[in-house]
Amino acid sequence: SDLERAWETAEIVNAECRKPIHKAPGLYERNWGDWAGQSNVDLDW
């Protein structure tokens, strides 16, 4: 996923692994829309 938190993780890992790296836009986290920024305790999936 090229959302910042995942892509940064991938780049840190790849500094050691040195593999071809590709974006996977189908694997973004769920878009929580208007719920973003609220507490995730008891989140209604």
All heavy atoms as atom14 arrays in JSON, in Angstrom:
{
  "sequence": "SDLERAWETAEIVNAECRKPIHKAPGLYERNWGDWAGQSNVDLDW",
  "atom14_mask": [
    [1, 1, 1, 1, 1, 1, 0, 0, 0, 0, 0, 0, 0, 0],
    [1, 1, 1, 1, 1, 1, 1, 1, 0, 0, 0, 0, 0, 0],
    [1, 1, 1, 1, 1, 1, 1, 1, 0, 0, 0, 0, 0, 0],
    [1, 1, 1, 1, 1, 1, 1, 1, 1, 0, 0, 0, 0, 0],
    [1, 1, 1, 1, 1, 1, 1, 1, 1, 1, 1, 0, 0, 0],
    [1, 1, 1, 1, 1, 0, 0, 0, 0, 0, 0, 0, 0, 0],
    [1, 1, 1, 1, 1, 1, 1, 1, 1, 1, 1, 1, 1, 1],
    [1, 1, 1, 1, 1, 1, 1, 1, 1, 0, 0, 0, 0, 0],
    [1, 1, 1, 1, 1, 1, 1, 0, 0, 0, 0, 0, 0, 0],
    [1, 1, 1, 1, 1, 0, 0, 0, 0, 0, 0, 0, 0, 0],
    [1, 1, 1, 1, 1, 1, 1, 1, 1, 0, 0, 0, 0, 0],
    [1, 1, 1, 1, 1, 1, 1, 1, 0, 0, 0, 0, 0, 0],
    [1, 1, 1, 1, 1, 1, 1, 0, 0, 0, 0, 0, 0, 0],
    [1, 1, 1, 1, 1, 1, 1, 1, 0, 0, 0, 0, 0, 0],
    [1, 1, 1, 1, 1, 0, 0, 0, 0, 0, 0, 0, 0, 0],
    [1, 1, 1, 1, 1, 1, 1, 1, 1, 0, 0, 0, 0, 0],
    [1, 1, 1, 1, 1, 1, 0, 0, 0, 0, 0, 0, 0, 0],
    [1, 1, 1, 1, 1, 1, 1, 1, 1, 1, 1, 0, 0, 0],
    [1, 1, 1, 1, 1, 1, 1, 1, 1, 0, 0, 0, 0, 0],
    [1, 1, 1, 1, 1, 1, 1, 0, 0, 0, 0, 0, 0, 0],
    [1, 1, 1, 1, 1, 1, 1, 1, 0, 0, 0, 0, 0, 0],
    [1, 1, 1, 1, 1, 1, 1, 1, 1, 1, 0, 0, 0, 0],
    [1, 1, 1, 1, 1, 1, 1, 1, 1, 0, 0, 0, 0, 0],
    [1, 1, 1, 1, 1, 0, 0, 0, 0, 0, 0, 0, 0, 0],
    [1, 1, 1, 1, 1, 1, 1, 0, 0, 0, 0, 0, 0, 0],
    [1, 1, 1, 1, 0, 0, 0, 0, 0, 0, 0, 0, 0, 0],
    [1, 1, 1, 1, 1, 1, 1, 1, 0, 0, 0, 0, 0, 0],
    [1, 1, 1, 1, 1, 1, 1, 1, 1, 1, 1, 1, 0, 0],
    [1, 1, 1, 1, 1, 1, 1, 1, 1, 0, 0, 0, 0, 0],
    [1, 1, 1, 1, 1, 1, 1, 1, 1, 1, 1, 0, 0, 0],
    [1, 1, 1, 1, 1, 1, 1, 1, 0, 0, 0, 0, 0, 0],
    [1, 1, 1, 1, 1, 1, 1, 1, 1, 1, 1, 1, 1, 1],
    [1, 1, 1, 1, 0, 0, 0, 0, 0, 0, 0, 0, 0, 0],
    [1, 1, 1, 1, 1, 1, 1, 1, 0, 0, 0, 0, 0, 0],
    [1, 1, 1, 1, 1, 1, 1, 1, 1, 1, 1, 1, 1, 1],
    [1, 1, 1, 1, 1, 0, 0, 0, 0, 0, 0, 0, 0, 0],
    [1, 1, 1, 1, 0, 0, 0, 0, 0, 0, 0, 0, 0, 0],
    [1, 1, 1, 1, 1, 1, 1, 1, 1, 0, 0, 0, 0, 0],
    [1, 1, 1, 1, 1, 1, 0, 0, 0, 0, 0, 0, 0, 0],
    [1, 1, 1, 1, 1, 1, 1, 1, 0, 0, 0, 0, 0, 0],
    [1, 1, 1, 1, 1, 1, 1, 0, 0, 0, 0, 0, 0, 0],
    [1, 1, 1, 1, 1, 1, 1, 1, 0, 0, 0, 0, 0, 0],
    [1, 1, 1, 1, 1, 1, 1, 1, 0, 0, 0, 0, 0, 0],
    [1, 1, 1, 1, 1, 1, 1, 1, 0, 0, 0, 0, 0, 0],
    [1, 1, 1, 1, 1, 1, 1, 1, 1, 1, 1, 1, 1, 1]
  ],
  "atom14_positions": [
    [[0.86, -1.18, 0.0], [0.0, 0.0, 0.0], [0.89, 1.23, 0.0], [1.89, 1.27, 0.73], [-0.87, -0.01, 1.26], [-1.35, 1.28, 1.58], [0.0, 0.0, 0.0], [0.0, 0.0, 0.0], [0.0, 0.0, 0.0], [0.0, 0.0, 0.0], [0.0, 0.0, 0.0], [0.0, 0.0, 0.0], [0.0, 0.0, 0.0], [0.0, 0.0, 0.0]],
    [[0.55, 2.24, -0.8], [1.38, 3.44, -0.77], [0.8, 4.53, 0.13], [1.23, 5.68, 0.05], [1.69, 3.95, -2.18], [0.5, 4.59, -2.88], [-0.63, 4.4, -2.41], [0.71, 5.27, -3.89], [0.0, 0.0, 0.0], [0.0, 0.0, 0.0], [0.0, 0.0, 0.0], [0.0, 0.0, 0.0], [0.0, 0.0, 0.0], [0.0, 0.0, 0.0]],
    [[-0.16, 4.19, 0.99], [-0.48, 5.11, 2.08], [0.78, 5.27, 2.93], [1.51, 4.31, 3.16], [-1.63, 4.57, 2.93], [-2.96, 4.35, 2.19], [-4.05, 3.96, 3.18], [-3.38, 5.57, 1.4], [0.0, 0.0, 0.0], [0.0, 0.0, 0.0], [0.0, 0.0, 0.0], [0.0, 0.0, 0.0], [0.0, 0.0, 0.0], [0.0, 0.0, 0.0]],
    [[1.05, 6.47, 3.39], [2.37, 6.8, 3.93], [2.89, 5.8, 4.96], [4.06, 5.42, 4.93], [2.34, 8.2, 4.57], [2.2, 9.34, 3.59], [0.77, 9.82, 3.45], [-0.16, 8.98, 3.56], [0.59, 11.04, 3.23], [0.0, 0.0, 0.0], [0.0, 0.0, 0.0], [0.0, 0.0, 0.0], [0.0, 0.0, 0.0], [0.0, 0.0, 0.0]],
    [[2.03, 5.38, 5.88], [2.49, 4.51, 6.96], [2.95, 3.14, 6.46], [3.9, 2.56, 6.98], [1.4, 4.36, 8.01], [0.03, 3.91, 7.48], [-1.03, 4.22, 8.53], [-2.37, 3.74, 8.21], [-3.28, 4.45, 7.54], [-2.96, 5.67, 7.08], [-4.5, 3.97, 7.34], [0.0, 0.0, 0.0], [0.0, 0.0, 0.0], [0.0, 0.0, 0.0]],
    [[2.28, 2.63, 5.42], [2.67, 1.33, 4.87], [3.87, 1.47, 3.94], [4.79, 0.63, 3.98], [1.5, 0.71, 4.13], [0.0, 0.0, 0.0], [0.0, 0.0, 0.0], [0.0, 0.0, 0.0], [0.0, 0.0, 0.0], [0.0, 0.0, 0.0], [0.0, 0.0, 0.0], [0.0, 0.0, 0.0], [0.0, 0.0, 0.0], [0.0, 0.0, 0.0]],
    [[3.88, 2.5, 3.11], [4.98, 2.66, 2.17], [6.29, 2.94, 2.9], [7.35, 2.42, 2.53], [4.67, 3.77, 1.17], [5.62, 3.77, 0.01], [6.65, 4.66, -0.22], [5.65, 2.84, -1.07], [7.31, 4.33, -1.38], [6.71, 3.21, -1.93], [4.88, 1.72, -1.4], [7.02, 2.51, -3.09], [5.19, 1.02, -2.56], [6.24, 1.41, -3.39]],
    [[6.23, 3.74, 3.96], [7.43, 4.01, 4.75], [7.94, 2.71, 5.38], [9.15, 2.44, 5.39], [7.14, 5.05, 5.84], [8.37, 5.46, 6.64], [8.08, 6.52, 7.69], [6.9, 6.92, 7.84], [9.04, 6.92, 8.36], [0.0, 0.0, 0.0], [0.0, 0.0, 0.0], [0.0, 0.0, 0.0], [0.0, 0.0, 0.0], [0.0, 0.0, 0.0]],
    [[7.04, 1.9, 5.89], [7.42, 0.6, 6.45], [8.1, -0.25, 5.39], [9.16, -0.85, 5.62], [6.19, -0.13, 6.99], [5.57, 0.66, 8.01], [6.56, -1.5, 7.56], [0.0, 0.0, 0.0], [0.0, 0.0, 0.0], [0.0, 0.0, 0.0], [0.0, 0.0, 0.0], [0.0, 0.0, 0.0], [0.0, 0.0, 0.0], [0.0, 0.0, 0.0]],
    [[7.5, -0.29, 4.2], [8.07, -1.09, 3.11], [9.46, -0.6, 2.71], [10.37, -1.4, 2.45], [7.13, -1.07, 1.91], [0.0, 0.0, 0.0], [0.0, 0.0, 0.0], [0.0, 0.0, 0.0], [0.0, 0.0, 0.0], [0.0, 0.0, 0.0], [0.0, 0.0, 0.0], [0.0, 0.0, 0.0], [0.0, 0.0, 0.0], [0.0, 0.0, 0.0]],
    [[9.64, 0.7, 2.67], [10.95, 1.24, 2.28], [12.01, 0.93, 3.33], [13.16, 0.63, 2.99], [10.84, 2.75, 2.05], [10.09, 3.11, 0.78], [10.16, 4.58, 0.45], [10.02, 5.41, 1.38], [10.38, 4.91, -0.73], [0.0, 0.0, 0.0], [0.0, 0.0, 0.0], [0.0, 0.0, 0.0], [0.0, 0.0, 0.0], [0.0, 0.0, 0.0]],
    [[11.63, 1.0, 4.61], [12.58, 0.66, 5.68], [12.98, -0.82, 5.56], [14.16, -1.17, 5.66], [11.98, 0.96, 7.06], [11.86, 2.48, 7.26], [12.83, 0.34, 8.18], [11.08, 2.9, 8.48], [0.0, 0.0, 0.0], [0.0, 0.0, 0.0], [0.0, 0.0, 0.0], [0.0, 0.0, 0.0], [0.0, 0.0, 0.0], [0.0, 0.0, 0.0]],
    [[12.01, -1.67, 5.34], [12.29, -3.1, 5.17], [13.17, -3.32, 3.94], [14.15, -4.09, 3.97], [10.97, -3.9, 5.06], [11.23, -5.32, 4.55], [10.26, -3.93, 6.4], [0.0, 0.0, 0.0], [0.0, 0.0, 0.0], [0.0, 0.0, 0.0], [0.0, 0.0, 0.0], [0.0, 0.0, 0.0], [0.0, 0.0, 0.0], [0.0, 0.0, 0.0]],
    [[12.86, -2.63, 2.86], [13.58, -2.87, 1.62], [15.0, -2.32, 1.62], [15.81, -2.7, 0.77], [12.8, -2.33, 0.43], [13.09, -3.13, -0.83], [13.34, -4.34, -0.77], [13.07, -2.46, -1.97], [0.0, 0.0, 0.0], [0.0, 0.0, 0.0], [0.0, 0.0, 0.0], [0.0, 0.0, 0.0], [0.0, 0.0, 0.0], [0.0, 0.0, 0.0]],
    [[15.3, -1.45, 2.57], [16.69, -1.01, 2.7], [17.58, -2.19, 3.06], [18.78, -2.2, 2.73], [16.79, 0.07, 3.78], [0.0, 0.0, 0.0], [0.0, 0.0, 0.0], [0.0, 0.0, 0.0], [0.0, 0.0, 0.0], [0.0, 0.0, 0.0], [0.0, 0.0, 0.0], [0.0, 0.0, 0.0], [0.0, 0.0, 0.0], [0.0, 0.0, 0.0]],
    [[17.01, -3.21, 3.69], [17.74, -4.43, 4.02], [17.53, -5.53, 2.98], [18.45, -6.26, 2.63], [17.31, -4.96, 5.4], [17.67, -4.06, 6.55], [19.18, -4.06, 6.85], [19.89, -4.96, 6.38], [19.63, -3.14, 7.55], [0.0, 0.0, 0.0], [0.0, 0.0, 0.0], [0.0, 0.0, 0.0], [0.0, 0.0, 0.0], [0.0, 0.0, 0.0]],
    [[16.3, -5.65, 2.48], [15.96, -6.78, 1.6], [16.31, -6.56, 0.14], [16.58, -7.51, -0.59], [14.48, -7.1, 1.74], [14.01, -7.64, 3.4], [0.0, 0.0, 0.0], [0.0, 0.0, 0.0], [0.0, 0.0, 0.0], [0.0, 0.0, 0.0], [0.0, 0.0, 0.0], [0.0, 0.0, 0.0], [0.0, 0.0, 0.0], [0.0, 0.0, 0.0]],
    [[16.25, -5.31, -0.32], [16.65, -4.93, -1.68], [15.95, -5.78, -2.75], [16.6, -6.47, -3.54], [18.18, -5.02, -1.82], [18.91, -4.12, -0.84], [20.41, -4.1, -1.04], [21.06, -3.28, -0.04], [21.15, -1.94, -0.06], [20.58, -1.28, -1.06], [21.77, -1.29, 0.9], [0.0, 0.0, 0.0], [0.0, 0.0, 0.0], [0.0, 0.0, 0.0]],
    [[14.64, -5.7, -2.75], [13.81, -6.4, -3.72], [13.08, -5.39, -4.59], [12.93, -4.22, -4.2], [12.78, -7.28, -3.01], [13.37, -8.31, -2.05], [14.03, -9.45, -2.79], [14.45, -10.54, -1.8], [15.1, -11.67, -2.48], [0.0, 0.0, 0.0], [0.0, 0.0, 0.0], [0.0, 0.0, 0.0], [0.0, 0.0, 0.0], [0.0, 0.0, 0.0]],
    [[12.59, -5.8, -5.76], [11.69, -4.91, -6.5], [10.48, -4.56, -5.63], [9.93, -5.43, -4.95], [11.29, -5.76, -7.7], [12.38, -6.77, -7.85], [12.84, -7.07, -6.46], [0.0, 0.0, 0.0], [0.0, 0.0, 0.0], [0.0, 0.0, 0.0], [0.0, 0.0, 0.0], [0.0, 0.0, 0.0], [0.0, 0.0, 0.0], [0.0, 0.0, 0.0]],
    [[10.08, -3.3, -5.66], [8.98, -2.84, -4.81], [7.92, -2.16, -5.68], [8.25, -1.38, -6.56], [9.49, -1.92, -3.68], [8.37, -1.54, -2.71], [10.21, -0.71, -4.22], [8.87, -0.85, -1.44], [0.0, 0.0, 0.0], [0.0, 0.0, 0.0], [0.0, 0.0, 0.0], [0.0, 0.0, 0.0], [0.0, 0.0, 0.0], [0.0, 0.0, 0.0]],
    [[6.66, -2.51, -5.43], [5.57, -2.04, -6.27], [4.41, -1.52, -5.41], [4.18, -2.03, -4.3], [5.04, -3.19, -7.15], [6.11, -3.88, -7.93], [6.6, -3.4, -9.12], [6.79, -5.03, -7.66], [7.53, -4.23, -9.57], [7.67, -5.22, -8.72], [0.0, 0.0, 0.0], [0.0, 0.0, 0.0], [0.0, 0.0, 0.0], [0.0, 0.0, 0.0]],
    [[3.68, -0.56, -5.94], [2.5, -0.04, -5.25], [1.32, -0.98, -5.44], [1.11, -1.53, -6.52], [2.14, 1.35, -5.78], [3.2, 2.39, -5.49], [2.82, 3.74, -6.07], [3.9, 4.78, -5.77], [3.54, 6.11, -6.33], [0.0, 0.0, 0.0], [0.0, 0.0, 0.0], [0.0, 0.0, 0.0], [0.0, 0.0, 0.0], [0.0, 0.0, 0.0]],
    [[0.55, -1.16, -4.36], [-0.63, -2.02, -4.39], [-1.84, -1.22, -3.91], [-2.27, -1.34, -2.76], [-0.42, -3.25, -3.51], [0.0, 0.0, 0.0], [0.0, 0.0, 0.0], [0.0, 0.0, 0.0], [0.0, 0.0, 0.0], [0.0, 0.0, 0.0], [0.0, 0.0, 0.0], [0.0, 0.0, 0.0], [0.0, 0.0, 0.0], [0.0, 0.0, 0.0]],
    [[-2.41, -0.38, -4.78], [-3.52, 0.49, -4.35], [-4.76, -0.27, -3.92], [-5.59, 0.27, -3.19], [-3.78, 1.35, -5.59], [-3.23, 0.57, -6.74], [-2.04, -0.15, -6.19], [0.0, 0.0, 0.0], [0.0, 0.0, 0.0], [0.0, 0.0, 0.0], [0.0, 0.0, 0.0], [0.0, 0.0, 0.0], [0.0, 0.0, 0.0], [0.0, 0.0, 0.0]],
    [[-4.91, -1.53, -4.34], [-6.06, -2.31, -3.89], [-5.98, -2.7, -2.43], [-6.96, -3.18, -1.85], [0.0, 0.0, 0.0], [0.0, 0.0, 0.0], [0.0, 0.0, 0.0], [0.0, 0.0, 0.0], [0.0, 0.0, 0.0], [0.0, 0.0, 0.0], [0.0, 0.0, 0.0], [0.0, 0.0, 0.0], [0.0, 0.0, 0.0], [0.0, 0.0, 0.0]],
    [[-4.81, -2.48, -1.82], [-4.6, -2.9, -0.43], [-4.43, -1.72, 0.51], [-3.68, -1.78, 1.48], [-3.39, -3.86, -0.36], [-3.64, -5.19, -1.08], [-2.37, -6.04, -1.08], [-4.79, -5.96, -0.44], [0.0, 0.0, 0.0], [0.0, 0.0, 0.0], [0.0, 0.0, 0.0], [0.0, 0.0, 0.0], [0.0, 0.0, 0.0], [0.0, 0.0, 0.0]],
    [[-5.15, -0.65, 0.24], [-5.26, 0.44, 1.21], [-6.1, -0.04, 2.4], [-6.88, -0.98, 2.29], [-5.97, 1.65, 0.61], [-5.22, 2.39, -0.46], [-5.87, 3.34, -1.23], [-3.87, 2.16, -0.7], [-5.2, 4.04, -2.22], [-3.2, 2.87, -1.69], [-3.86, 3.8, -2.45], [-3.21, 4.49, -3.43], [0.0, 0.0, 0.0], [0.0, 0.0, 0.0]],
    [[-5.93, 0.65, 3.52], [-6.82, 0.4, 4.66], [-8.23, 0.84, 4.3], [-8.44, 1.57, 3.32], [-6.31, 1.17, 5.89], [-7.09, 0.95, 7.18], [-7.21, -0.49, 7.61], [-8.06, -1.22, 7.02], [-6.49, -0.9, 8.53], [0.0, 0.0, 0.0], [0.0, 0.0, 0.0], [0.0, 0.0, 0.0], [0.0, 0.0, 0.0], [0.0, 0.0, 0.0]],
    [[-9.19, 0.37, 5.05], [-10.58, 0.76, 4.81], [-10.73, 2.27, 4.92], [-10.15, 2.91, 5.81], [-11.49, 0.07, 5.82], [-12.98, 0.36, 5.6], [-13.82, -0.53, 6.48], [-15.24, -0.17, 6.45], [-16.18, -0.79, 7.15], [-15.85, -1.79, 7.94], [-17.44, -0.4, 7.07], [0.0, 0.0, 0.0], [0.0, 0.0, 0.0], [0.0, 0.0, 0.0]],
    [[-11.5, 2.84, 4.03], [-11.82, 4.27, 4.09], [-12.95, 4.45, 5.08], [-14.1, 4.07, 4.82], [-12.22, 4.76, 2.7], [-12.55, 6.24, 2.68], [-12.61, 6.88, 3.72], [-12.78, 6.78, 1.51], [0.0, 0.0, 0.0], [0.0, 0.0, 0.0], [0.0, 0.0, 0.0], [0.0, 0.0, 0.0], [0.0, 0.0, 0.0], [0.0, 0.0, 0.0]],
    [[-12.62, 5.05, 6.21], [-13.61, 5.21, 7.29], [-14.41, 6.5, 7.17], [-15.24, 6.79, 8.03], [-12.92, 5.13, 8.65], [-12.43, 3.74, 8.96], [-11.16, 3.27, 8.92], [-13.25, 2.63, 9.35], [-11.12, 1.94, 9.26], [-12.38, 1.52, 9.53], [-14.62, 2.46, 9.56], [-12.85, 0.26, 9.91], [-15.09, 1.21, 9.94], [-14.21, 0.13, 10.12]],
    [[-14.16, 7.28, 6.13], [-14.98, 8.46, 5.87], [-15.12, 9.38, 7.07], [-14.12, 9.79, 7.67], [0.0, 0.0, 0.0], [0.0, 0.0, 0.0], [0.0, 0.0, 0.0], [0.0, 0.0, 0.0], [0.0, 0.0, 0.0], [0.0, 0.0, 0.0], [0.0, 0.0, 0.0], [0.0, 0.0, 0.0], [0.0, 0.0, 0.0], [0.0, 0.0, 0.0]],
    [[-16.36, 9.68, 7.42], [-16.64, 10.64, 8.49], [-16.24, 10.13, 9.87], [-16.21, 10.91, 10.83], [-18.14, 10.98, 8.51], [-18.59, 11.68, 7.23], [-17.72, 12.17, 6.49], [-19.82, 11.71, 6.97], [0.0, 0.0, 0.0], [0.0, 0.0, 0.0], [0.0, 0.0, 0.0], [0.0, 0.0, 0.0], [0.0, 0.0, 0.0], [0.0, 0.0, 0.0]],
    [[-15.95, 8.84, 9.98], [-15.55, 8.29, 11.28], [-14.07, 8.52, 11.57], [-13.64, 8.37, 12.71], [-15.84, 6.8, 11.34], [-17.3, 6.46, 11.33], [-18.35, 7.32, 11.2], [-17.87, 5.16, 11.46], [-19.54, 6.64, 11.21], [-19.27, 5.3, 11.38], [-17.34, 3.88, 11.61], [-20.14, 4.22, 11.46], [-18.2, 2.8, 11.69], [-19.58, 2.96, 11.62]],
    [[-13.28, 8.85, 10.56], [-11.84, 9.07, 10.76], [-11.63, 10.17, 11.8], [-12.32, 11.19, 11.8], [-11.18, 9.44, 9.45], [0.0, 0.0, 0.0], [0.0, 0.0, 0.0], [0.0, 0.0, 0.0], [0.0, 0.0, 0.0], [0.0, 0.0, 0.0], [0.0, 0.0, 0.0], [0.0, 0.0, 0.0], [0.0, 0.0, 0.0], [0.0, 0.0, 0.0]],
    [[-10.68, 9.95, 12.68], [-10.38, 10.91, 13.74], [-11.1, 10.62, 15.04], [-10.76, 11.2, 16.07], [0.0, 0.0, 0.0], [0.0, 0.0, 0.0], [0.0, 0.0, 0.0], [0.0, 0.0, 0.0], [0.0, 0.0, 0.0], [0.0, 0.0, 0.0], [0.0, 0.0, 0.0], [0.0, 0.0, 0.0], [0.0, 0.0, 0.0], [0.0, 0.0, 0.0]],
    [[-12.08, 9.73, 15.01], [-12.79, 9.34, 16.23], [-12.05, 8.2, 16.93], [-11.14, 7.58, 16.36], [-14.22, 8.92, 15.91], [-15.06, 10.0, 15.24], [-16.46, 9.5, 14.89], [-16.95, 8.52, 15.44], [-17.1, 10.19, 13.96], [0.0, 0.0, 0.0], [0.0, 0.0, 0.0], [0.0, 0.0, 0.0], [0.0, 0.0, 0.0], [0.0, 0.0, 0.0]],
    [[-12.47, 7.88, 18.14], [-11.89, 6.76, 18.86], [-12.19, 5.46, 18.13], [-13.28, 5.27, 17.6], [-12.47, 6.69, 20.28], [-12.08, 5.48, 20.92], [0.0, 0.0, 0.0], [0.0, 0.0, 0.0], [0.0, 0.0, 0.0], [0.0, 0.0, 0.0], [0.0, 0.0, 0.0], [0.0, 0.0, 0.0], [0.0, 0.0, 0.0], [0.0, 0.0, 0.0]],
    [[-11.2, 4.55, 18.12], [-11.45, 3.25, 17.51], [-11.82, 2.18, 18.54], [-11.97, 1.0, 18.2], [-10.25, 2.79, 16.67], [-9.01, 2.47, 17.51], [-9.07, 2.34, 18.74], [-7.88, 2.35, 16.84], [0.0, 0.0, 0.0], [0.0, 0.0, 0.0], [0.0, 0.0, 0.0], [0.0, 0.0, 0.0], [0.0, 0.0, 0.0], [0.0, 0.0, 0.0]],
    [[-11.96, 2.59, 19.79], [-12.42, 1.66, 20.81], [-13.88, 1.3, 20.49], [-14.71, 2.18, 20.26], [-12.3, 2.27, 22.22], [-12.87, 1.32, 23.27], [-10.84, 2.59, 22.52], [0.0, 0.0, 0.0], [0.0, 0.0, 0.0], [0.0, 0.0, 0.0], [0.0, 0.0, 0.0], [0.0, 0.0, 0.0], [0.0, 0.0, 0.0], [0.0, 0.0, 0.0]],
    [[-14.17, 0.01, 20.45], [-15.51, -0.48, 20.09], [-15.92, -0.06, 18.68], [-17.1, 0.18, 18.41], [-16.57, 0.0, 21.1], [-16.3, -0.52, 22.51], [-15.86, -1.67, 22.63], [-16.53, 0.24, 23.47], [0.0, 0.0, 0.0], [0.0, 0.0, 0.0], [0.0, 0.0, 0.0], [0.0, 0.0, 0.0], [0.0, 0.0, 0.0], [0.0, 0.0, 0.0]],
    [[-14.95, 0.02, 17.78], [-15.23, 0.38, 16.39], [-16.19, -0.63, 15.77], [-15.99, -1.84, 15.87], [-13.92, 0.4, 15.6], [-14.0, 0.64, 14.09], [-14.66, 1.98, 13.79], [-12.61, 0.57, 13.48], [0.0, 0.0, 0.0], [0.0, 0.0, 0.0], [0.0, 0.0, 0.0], [0.0, 0.0, 0.0], [0.0, 0.0, 0.0], [0.0, 0.0, 0.0]],
    [[-17.23, -0.14, 15.12], [-18.25, -0.99, 14.51], [-17.83, -1.32, 13.07], [-18.18, -0.61, 12.14], [-19.61, -0.28, 14.53], [-20.71, -1.12, 13.89], [-20.47, -2.32, 13.63], [-21.8, -0.57, 13.66], [0.0, 0.0, 0.0], [0.0, 0.0, 0.0], [0.0, 0.0, 0.0], [0.0, 0.0, 0.0], [0.0, 0.0, 0.0], [0.0, 0.0, 0.0]],
    [[-17.12, -2.43, 12.9], [-16.65, -2.81, 11.59], [-17.81, -3.12, 10.64], [-17.67, -3.02, 9.43], [-15.72, -4.02, 11.69], [-14.31, -3.63, 12.0], [-13.79, -3.33, 13.23], [-13.24, -3.48, 11.07], [-12.47, -3.0, 13.12], [-12.1, -3.09, 11.8], [-13.14, -3.65, 9.7], [-10.87, -2.86, 11.19], [-11.91, -3.43, 9.09], [-10.79, -3.03, 9.84]]
  ]
}
